[in-house]
Protein backbone atom coordinates (compact mmCIF):
# COMPACT_ATOMS: atom_id res chain seq x y z
CA MET A 1 22.49 -11.22 31.76
CA ALA A 2 20.92 -8.85 28.69
CA LYS A 3 19.40 -10.39 25.87
CA TYR A 4 19.65 -7.65 23.56
CA PHE A 5 21.74 -4.83 25.11
CA GLY A 6 25.39 -4.86 24.92
CA THR A 7 27.69 -2.25 26.30
CA ASP A 8 26.32 0.33 23.93
CA GLY A 9 22.90 -0.55 22.80
CA VAL A 10 21.79 -3.18 20.73
CA ARG A 11 24.07 -4.32 18.04
CA GLY A 12 24.52 -6.73 15.29
CA ARG A 13 24.82 -7.79 11.57
CA ALA A 14 22.08 -5.87 10.04
CA ASN A 15 19.08 -7.72 8.68
CA ALA A 16 20.86 -10.94 10.10
CA ASP A 17 21.05 -10.53 13.76
CA LEU A 18 19.69 -6.93 13.75
CA THR A 19 16.32 -7.28 11.77
CA PRO A 20 13.88 -4.61 10.88
CA GLU A 21 11.38 -6.68 13.18
CA LEU A 22 13.74 -6.56 16.07
CA ALA A 23 14.42 -2.75 15.67
CA LEU A 24 10.47 -2.27 15.38
CA ALA A 25 10.30 -4.30 18.84
CA VAL A 26 12.99 -2.07 20.38
CA ALA A 27 11.77 1.07 19.23
CA SER A 28 8.20 0.22 20.33
CA ALA A 29 9.23 -1.11 23.82
CA ALA A 30 11.64 1.96 24.34
CA ALA A 31 8.82 4.23 23.68
CA ARG A 32 6.46 2.72 25.97
CA VAL A 33 9.01 2.66 28.85
CA LEU A 34 10.59 5.98 28.24
CA ALA A 35 7.79 8.11 27.20
CA HIS A 36 5.93 7.57 30.34
CA HIS A 37 2.85 8.72 28.52
CA ASP A 38 0.31 9.99 31.20
CA GLY A 39 -1.96 11.67 28.70
CA SER A 40 -0.59 15.23 29.70
CA HIS A 41 1.20 15.37 26.24
CA ARG A 42 2.25 13.64 23.10
CA PRO A 43 5.53 11.55 23.61
CA THR A 44 8.00 12.84 21.05
CA ALA A 45 11.44 10.99 19.88
CA VAL A 46 14.31 12.29 18.04
CA VAL A 47 15.76 9.72 15.31
CA GLY A 48 19.10 10.18 13.76
CA ARG A 49 21.44 7.85 11.79
CA ASP A 50 24.75 7.49 10.37
CA PRO A 51 25.16 6.86 6.54
CA ARG A 52 25.51 3.18 6.21
CA VAL A 53 23.28 1.39 3.76
CA SER A 54 21.43 -0.51 6.40
CA SER A 55 20.69 2.44 8.23
CA GLU A 56 17.95 3.47 6.14
CA MET A 57 16.21 0.12 6.39
CA LEU A 58 16.40 0.17 10.06
CA GLU A 59 15.28 3.88 10.65
CA ALA A 60 11.89 3.02 8.92
CA ALA A 61 11.36 0.05 11.21
CA VAL A 62 12.38 2.35 14.16
CA VAL A 63 10.16 5.03 12.87
CA ALA A 64 7.35 2.55 12.45
CA GLY A 65 7.98 1.05 16.07
CA LEU A 66 7.92 4.65 17.80
CA THR A 67 4.87 5.66 16.03
CA SER A 68 2.94 2.76 16.79
CA ALA A 69 3.66 3.37 20.40
CA GLY A 70 1.85 6.87 19.86
CA ALA A 71 5.22 8.76 19.89
CA ASP A 72 5.65 11.84 17.30
CA VAL A 73 9.08 11.54 15.59
CA ARG A 74 11.62 14.18 14.62
CA LEU A 75 13.81 12.87 11.66
CA VAL A 76 17.17 14.71 11.89
CA GLY A 77 18.87 12.60 9.33
CA VAL A 78 22.58 11.91 9.16
CA LEU A 79 24.19 13.33 12.35
CA PRO A 80 26.62 12.22 14.76
CA THR A 81 25.43 10.24 17.74
CA PRO A 82 26.22 13.14 20.28
CA ALA A 83 24.32 15.36 18.06
CA VAL A 84 21.10 13.52 18.46
CA ALA A 85 21.77 13.17 22.37
CA TYR A 86 22.05 17.11 22.33
CA LEU A 87 18.92 17.48 20.06
CA THR A 88 17.02 15.03 22.23
CA GLN A 89 17.63 17.45 25.15
CA ARG A 90 17.18 20.68 22.92
CA TYR A 91 13.77 19.68 21.57
CA GLU A 92 12.77 18.36 24.98
CA ALA A 93 11.91 14.90 23.45
CA ASP A 94 11.20 12.01 25.64
CA LEU A 95 13.76 9.63 24.02
CA GLY A 96 16.35 9.66 21.34
CA VAL A 97 17.13 6.99 18.84
CA VAL A 98 20.55 6.63 16.56
CA LEU A 99 20.99 4.27 13.99
CA SER A 100 24.62 3.41 14.11
CA ALA A 101 27.27 0.84 14.78
CA SER A 102 29.93 3.43 15.61
CA HIS A 103 33.42 2.13 14.73
CA ASN A 104 32.11 -1.28 13.34
CA PRO A 105 32.12 -2.28 9.67
CA MET A 106 29.51 -1.53 7.22
CA PRO A 107 27.75 -4.92 7.64
CA ASP A 108 26.94 -4.44 11.19
CA ASN A 109 24.67 -1.45 12.60
CA GLY A 110 23.15 -0.89 16.04
CA ILE A 111 20.33 1.02 17.89
CA LYS A 112 21.46 3.43 20.55
CA LEU A 113 18.91 5.00 22.74
CA PHE A 114 18.78 8.30 24.89
CA ALA A 115 16.41 9.02 27.54
CA ARG A 116 14.90 12.50 28.14
CA GLY A 117 17.57 14.90 28.53
CA GLY A 118 19.89 13.13 26.08
CA GLN A 119 21.09 10.77 28.74
CA LYS A 120 22.21 7.16 27.88
CA LEU A 121 20.09 4.51 29.73
CA PRO A 122 21.40 2.89 32.92
CA ASP A 123 21.03 -0.92 33.43
CA ASP A 124 17.88 -1.07 35.00
CA ILE A 125 15.97 0.84 32.17
CA GLU A 126 17.53 -1.42 29.46
CA ALA A 127 16.35 -4.38 31.44
CA GLU A 128 13.06 -2.62 31.89
CA ILE A 129 12.85 -2.40 27.92
CA GLU A 130 13.95 -5.87 27.29
CA ALA A 131 11.19 -7.14 29.73
CA GLU A 132 8.71 -4.94 27.67
CA ILE A 133 10.32 -6.44 24.16
CA GLU A 134 9.54 -10.04 25.67
CA ALA A 135 6.19 -9.44 27.03
CA GLY A 136 4.92 -7.62 23.94
CA TRP A 137 1.69 -5.31 23.98
CA ARG A 138 -0.19 -5.38 27.19
CA THR A 139 -2.35 -2.65 26.39
CA ALA A 140 -4.45 -1.33 23.77
CA ARG A 141 -2.33 0.10 20.73
CA PRO A 142 -3.05 3.69 19.94
CA THR A 143 -5.32 3.91 16.83
CA GLY A 144 -6.65 6.92 14.77
CA ALA A 145 -5.23 10.25 15.78
CA ALA A 146 -3.33 8.77 18.80
CA ILE A 147 -0.85 7.02 16.45
CA GLY A 148 2.33 9.13 16.22
CA ARG A 149 3.22 11.38 13.30
CA VAL A 150 6.70 11.98 11.55
CA THR A 151 8.15 15.51 10.57
CA ALA A 152 11.55 16.16 9.44
CA SER A 153 13.80 18.64 11.67
CA PRO A 154 16.23 19.97 8.83
CA ASP A 155 17.64 22.54 11.26
CA GLY A 156 19.10 19.90 13.42
CA ALA A 157 22.66 20.30 11.91
CA ALA A 158 22.87 23.82 12.10
CA ARG A 159 21.82 23.56 15.87
CA TYR A 160 24.40 21.35 16.68
CA ILE A 161 27.02 23.53 15.17
CA GLU A 162 26.13 26.46 17.00
CA HIS A 163 25.95 24.41 20.04
CA LEU A 164 29.60 23.13 19.71
CA LEU A 165 30.72 26.56 18.58
CA THR A 166 29.58 28.18 21.80
CA ALA A 167 31.12 25.32 23.91
CA ALA A 168 34.65 26.03 22.05
CA PRO A 169 36.84 28.24 24.55
CA ALA A 170 39.24 29.70 22.19
CA SER A 171 39.53 30.75 18.52
CA LEU A 172 41.41 28.15 16.48
CA ALA A 173 42.87 30.66 14.02
CA GLY A 174 46.18 29.56 13.02
CA LEU A 175 45.98 26.06 13.30
CA LYS A 176 45.83 23.77 10.36
CA VAL A 177 43.91 20.44 10.96
CA VAL A 178 43.32 17.29 8.77
CA VAL A 179 40.02 15.77 9.92
CA ASP A 180 39.21 11.90 9.11
CA CYS A 181 35.50 11.69 9.07
CA ALA A 182 35.68 7.88 8.59
CA ASN A 183 32.99 8.50 5.90
CA GLY A 184 30.83 8.57 8.63
CA ALA A 185 28.16 10.76 10.15
CA ALA A 186 30.55 13.64 10.77
CA SER A 187 30.93 14.08 7.14
CA ALA A 188 28.21 16.89 6.85
CA VAL A 189 29.17 18.64 9.74
CA ALA A 190 32.99 18.44 10.42
CA GLY A 191 34.45 20.79 7.81
CA GLU A 192 31.97 23.59 8.63
CA LEU A 193 32.37 23.39 12.21
CA PHE A 194 36.26 23.63 12.26
CA SER A 195 36.29 26.28 9.78
CA SER A 196 33.84 28.36 11.47
CA ALA A 197 35.93 28.02 14.84
CA GLY A 198 38.71 29.58 12.92
CA ALA A 199 40.92 26.85 11.54
CA ASP A 200 42.16 25.85 8.10
CA VAL A 201 40.56 22.53 7.48
CA VAL A 202 41.38 19.67 5.15
CA VAL A 203 38.66 16.91 5.27
CA VAL A 204 39.64 13.27 4.47
CA ALA A 205 37.23 10.38 4.14
CA GLY A 206 34.39 12.82 4.02
CA GLU A 207 32.36 11.34 1.08
CA PRO A 208 30.06 8.72 2.47
CA ASP A 209 28.42 6.56 0.03
CA GLY A 210 26.73 4.26 2.28
CA GLU A 211 29.24 1.31 1.95
CA ASN A 212 32.67 2.90 2.69
CA ILE A 213 32.12 3.92 6.45
CA ASN A 214 34.95 3.07 8.53
CA ASP A 215 36.73 1.18 5.78
CA GLY A 216 40.37 1.61 6.18
CA VAL A 217 39.82 5.28 7.55
CA GLY A 218 38.71 6.74 10.83
CA SER A 219 40.17 6.17 14.46
CA THR A 220 40.28 2.50 13.94
CA HIS A 221 42.62 2.81 10.98
CA ILE A 222 44.61 5.94 12.18
CA GLY A 223 47.83 5.30 10.11
CA SER A 224 46.67 6.78 6.86
CA LEU A 225 45.59 10.11 8.50
CA ALA A 226 49.36 10.47 9.91
CA GLU A 227 50.62 10.46 6.14
CA VAL A 228 48.05 13.12 5.31
CA VAL A 229 49.00 15.33 8.14
CA LEU A 230 52.72 15.04 7.34
CA ARG A 231 52.04 15.88 3.51
CA HIS A 232 49.77 18.94 4.40
CA GLN A 233 52.21 19.90 7.09
CA ALA A 234 49.29 20.39 9.34
CA ASP A 235 49.40 21.10 13.12
CA LEU A 236 47.24 17.89 14.01
CA GLY A 237 45.16 15.42 12.85
CA ILE A 238 41.72 14.22 14.08
CA ALA A 239 40.43 10.82 13.59
CA LEU A 240 36.74 10.38 14.19
CA ASP A 241 34.78 7.12 14.26
CA GLY A 242 31.70 6.38 12.24
CA ASP A 243 29.39 7.94 14.58
CA ALA A 244 31.72 10.67 15.97
CA ASP A 245 31.21 10.01 19.52
CA ARG A 246 35.05 9.70 20.05
CA CYS A 247 38.23 10.91 18.38
CA LEU A 248 42.00 10.35 18.63
CA ALA A 249 44.49 12.60 17.46
CA ILE A 250 47.95 12.83 15.43
CA ASP A 251 50.30 15.31 16.14
CA ALA A 252 52.53 17.34 13.68
CA ASP A 253 55.19 14.56 13.62
CA GLY A 254 52.63 11.78 12.82
CA SER A 255 52.62 10.26 16.32
CA VAL A 256 49.25 8.98 17.41
CA VAL A 257 47.65 10.80 20.49
CA ASP A 258 45.43 8.43 22.14
CA GLY A 259 42.19 9.12 24.52
CA ASP A 260 44.37 9.04 27.76
CA GLN A 261 46.55 11.54 26.39
CA ILE A 262 43.86 13.85 25.12
CA LEU A 263 41.94 13.50 28.58
CA ALA A 264 45.15 14.47 30.51
CA ILE A 265 45.84 17.54 28.25
CA CYS A 266 42.10 18.65 28.62
CA ALA A 267 42.24 18.03 32.63
CA LEU A 268 45.27 20.17 33.08
CA GLU A 269 43.68 23.09 30.87
CA LEU A 270 40.48 22.90 33.02
CA LYS A 271 42.61 22.63 36.17
CA ASP A 272 44.77 25.62 35.26
CA ARG A 273 41.51 27.63 34.85
CA SER A 274 40.01 26.45 38.06
CA LEU A 275 37.09 24.63 35.94
CA LEU A 276 38.12 20.96 36.96
CA ALA A 277 35.54 20.21 39.47
CA GLN A 278 36.94 18.94 42.57
CA ASP A 279 40.56 18.45 40.74
CA THR A 280 39.14 15.10 39.83
CA VAL A 281 38.81 13.33 36.40
CA VAL A 282 37.19 9.72 35.63
CA ALA A 283 38.81 7.21 33.59
CA THR A 284 38.20 3.30 32.93
CA VAL A 285 40.22 0.47 34.04
CA MET A 286 41.84 0.38 30.71
CA SER A 287 43.56 3.81 31.00
CA ASN A 288 47.19 3.36 31.00
CA LEU A 289 49.36 3.57 34.22
CA GLY A 290 51.24 6.46 32.66
CA PHE A 291 48.02 8.44 32.50
CA HIS A 292 47.60 7.81 36.25
CA HIS A 293 51.19 8.63 37.12
CA ALA A 294 50.74 12.17 35.29
CA MET A 295 47.45 13.05 36.90
CA ARG A 296 49.12 12.12 40.56
CA ASP A 297 52.02 14.35 39.65
CA ALA A 298 49.59 17.30 38.48
CA GLY A 299 47.56 16.81 42.05
CA ILE A 300 44.63 15.57 39.87
CA THR A 301 42.50 12.56 41.28
CA VAL A 302 41.38 9.77 39.21
CA LEU A 303 38.13 7.84 39.90
CA THR A 304 38.18 4.49 37.79
CA THR A 305 34.98 2.88 36.32
CA ALA A 306 34.43 -0.37 34.09
CA VAL A 307 34.96 0.14 30.43
CA GLY A 308 32.03 2.11 28.77
CA ASP A 309 31.42 5.84 28.48
CA ARG A 310 27.98 5.51 30.06
CA TYR A 311 29.70 4.30 33.30
CA VAL A 312 32.08 7.17 32.86
CA LEU A 313 29.13 9.44 32.70
CA GLU A 314 27.47 7.77 35.68
CA SER A 315 30.41 8.26 37.63
CA LEU A 316 30.80 12.02 36.52
CA LEU A 317 26.86 12.80 37.44
CA ASN A 318 26.96 10.96 40.67
CA ASN A 319 30.12 12.66 41.91
CA GLY A 320 29.42 16.21 40.47
CA LEU A 321 32.35 16.14 38.12
CA SER A 322 33.15 17.95 34.87
CA LEU A 323 35.58 15.59 33.07
CA GLY A 324 36.07 11.92 32.13
CA GLY A 325 36.74 9.73 29.30
CA GLU A 326 38.33 6.45 27.79
CA GLN A 327 41.62 5.51 26.42
CA SER A 328 39.69 4.79 23.04
CA GLY A 329 38.83 8.40 22.80
CA HIS A 330 35.37 8.77 24.43
CA VAL A 331 35.82 12.05 26.49
CA ILE A 332 32.88 13.69 28.19
CA PHE A 333 32.79 17.09 29.34
CA THR A 334 29.66 17.78 31.60
CA ASP A 335 29.41 21.52 31.06
CA ALA A 336 28.44 20.99 27.37
CA ALA A 337 27.58 17.24 26.56
CA THR A 338 25.58 14.33 28.02
CA THR A 339 27.82 11.74 26.14
CA GLY A 340 31.13 11.23 24.52
CA ASP A 341 31.38 13.85 21.52
CA GLY A 342 34.33 13.47 19.09
CA LEU A 343 33.72 16.99 17.69
CA LEU A 344 33.68 18.74 21.16
CA THR A 345 36.72 16.95 22.15
CA ALA A 346 38.52 18.13 18.87
CA LEU A 347 37.50 21.66 19.46
CA ARG A 348 38.65 21.50 23.28
CA LEU A 349 41.68 19.82 22.36
CA MET A 350 42.85 22.40 19.67
CA SER A 351 41.70 25.18 22.01
CA CYS A 352 44.47 23.83 24.25
CA MET A 353 47.11 24.37 21.46
CA ALA A 354 45.74 27.71 19.93
CA PRO A 355 46.31 30.33 22.78
CA SER A 356 49.79 29.15 23.90
CA ALA A 357 51.01 27.83 20.25
CA ARG A 358 52.36 24.80 21.98
CA PRO A 359 52.61 21.76 19.57
CA LEU A 360 50.43 19.02 20.29
CA ALA A 361 53.28 16.54 20.74
CA GLU A 362 54.76 18.95 23.61
CA LEU A 363 51.37 18.80 25.38
CA ALA A 364 50.72 14.90 24.78
CA ALA A 365 54.24 14.48 26.53
CA ILE A 366 52.45 14.83 29.95
CA VAL A 367 51.51 10.89 29.61
CA GLN A 368 54.36 8.69 29.20
CA ARG A 369 52.66 5.65 28.28
CA LEU A 370 53.98 2.34 29.69
CA PRO A 371 54.06 -0.85 27.28
CA GLN A 372 50.76 -2.34 27.10
CA VAL A 373 50.18 -5.96 26.26
CA MET A 374 46.42 -7.65 25.78
CA ILE A 375 46.09 -11.46 25.25
CA ASN A 376 42.50 -12.83 24.67
CA VAL A 377 42.11 -16.27 26.37
CA ARG A 378 39.27 -18.31 25.25
CA VAL A 379 37.66 -20.11 28.19
CA ALA A 380 35.07 -22.68 28.88
CA ASP A 381 33.40 -20.48 31.41
CA ARG A 382 34.34 -16.79 31.94
CA GLU A 383 32.70 -16.35 35.42
CA SER A 384 34.72 -19.43 36.87
CA VAL A 385 38.12 -17.79 36.07
CA ALA A 386 37.65 -15.13 38.80
CA ALA A 387 36.88 -17.56 41.27
CA SER A 388 39.68 -19.81 40.55
CA PRO A 389 42.43 -20.23 43.24
CA ASP A 390 45.31 -20.96 40.66
CA VAL A 391 44.26 -17.49 38.78
CA ARG A 392 44.03 -15.34 41.92
CA ALA A 393 47.68 -16.70 42.79
CA ALA A 394 48.96 -16.08 39.51
CA VAL A 395 47.60 -12.53 39.32
CA SER A 396 49.11 -11.92 42.97
CA ALA A 397 52.42 -13.07 41.96
CA ALA A 398 52.28 -10.89 38.78
CA GLU A 399 51.35 -7.99 40.90
CA ALA A 400 54.11 -8.56 43.35
CA GLU A 401 56.64 -8.64 40.68
CA LEU A 402 55.22 -5.42 38.72
CA GLY A 403 54.93 -3.29 41.93
CA GLU A 404 54.33 0.50 41.42
CA ASP A 405 56.00 0.06 37.68
CA GLY A 406 53.22 -1.75 36.24
CA ARG A 407 49.82 -3.52 36.56
CA ILE A 408 47.66 -6.61 35.57
CA LEU A 409 44.06 -6.52 34.71
CA LEU A 410 41.89 -9.50 34.01
CA ARG A 411 38.50 -8.55 32.16
CA PRO A 412 35.82 -11.05 31.14
CA SER A 413 34.54 -10.26 27.63
CA GLY A 414 30.87 -9.21 27.76
CA THR A 415 29.72 -10.87 24.86
CA GLU A 416 32.04 -13.97 24.50
CA GLN A 417 33.59 -16.90 26.51
CA LEU A 418 37.01 -14.73 26.62
CA VAL A 419 39.12 -13.35 29.22
CA ARG A 420 41.39 -10.44 28.45
CA VAL A 421 44.67 -10.42 30.20
CA MET A 422 45.95 -6.88 30.27
CA VAL A 423 49.43 -6.26 31.51
CA GLU A 424 51.51 -2.81 31.73
CA ALA A 425 55.10 -2.84 32.54
CA ALA A 426 58.48 -0.91 32.35
CA SER A 427 59.17 -2.63 29.18
CA GLN A 428 57.52 -4.48 26.28
CA ASP A 429 59.23 -7.99 27.05
CA HIS A 430 58.36 -7.87 30.63
CA ALA A 431 55.09 -7.21 29.77
CA GLU A 432 54.77 -9.72 27.49
CA GLN A 433 56.24 -12.40 29.67
CA ILE A 434 53.77 -11.67 32.52
CA ALA A 435 50.89 -11.67 30.23
CA ARG A 436 51.82 -15.00 28.60
CA ARG A 437 52.56 -16.50 32.19
CA VAL A 438 49.22 -15.70 33.34
CA SER A 439 47.30 -16.50 30.24
CA GLU A 440 48.34 -19.94 30.52
CA VAL A 441 47.10 -20.33 33.96
CA VAL A 442 43.71 -18.63 32.86
CA GLY A 443 43.41 -20.83 29.82
CA ALA A 444 44.13 -24.01 31.98
CA VAL A 445 40.92 -23.42 34.05
């Protein structure tokens, strides 16, 4: 089991779990593992952050760790996580680092790492970095001129916006959009991006002060965005999270359009243009059964992965595919990005609306979501639950009862002694009944 890395980098309460000392150690170890410095060139790293208070502190520690390992650092400032991934590729850097806890509240923070080319790290590389952290320095430290240097790259935001505009397939002229930036990393670029693409833009939660990131706004607090969309009579709303690697949407009537629906809309549009590779899309085990039904009816195959956009990306790359995503709003377009990008997703979603003048609600109706119930069951040993004959029997009985009109999924937490029991059924009552019944069996193990 990983000691430092979770599902998306190293994360914790800043200056308590995630200390400057740990950040320095992670950065130094990552540079030693990812730079593969062979003397032919000085390794380079791109470092960006979200605007939360602790990101400044942790950025300083990360820069110290990278330069101590002999890596030159390009500081790009406050930018979305996918912007750092793109710039890592654009600048041909050996690694990229983002200081952000994404949608988590302000006291938390995290360290996200990208390998050369802007790719998220596979499990084996994370394990190698963890081993390097534990072992400490085993070679001579760089000294003198071999110590890394630090430079600012103020052109990062402009390069990222230019890249996204190139990746937008259609003008957004005629669309009015409300963009909730979650007082996060997208605040500096979202308004300019969507205006340059032709849209009439209203920006909300776009004034970060270091403490207000994700505070009652953004993709985890999407209700307030619906009110603004209705008040401005906008065509849609876009809700980003703190580091803008995902987005959800609001239609003109104030209803939520989730990641499954966004993925389905984009999949159909790509298929219509013969750009959906192998007529296949990648989703995670959490995607609603209604999404699977919609794709089946459209003649699109769905490949399923574990939860986490890096697993979606891994499947996309291994199978030569072009589109995948999560219900939470992480969507990956492999023709334009190496990771989930909320701003790119928003551009592509609005590009589906603009040429046809079809409202978002009509497009989203392709997915008829089944009622979904999730119960977190605290257990003594989450690994023993899967091996329990009683649990297997309960799950088998539930599957037989649900038939093709529902499904059940048991998913152990990656960080706590919890097992998540998720049930989808034709009715909310039926889903709740089965979820409670199975949860009682799980809790008794």
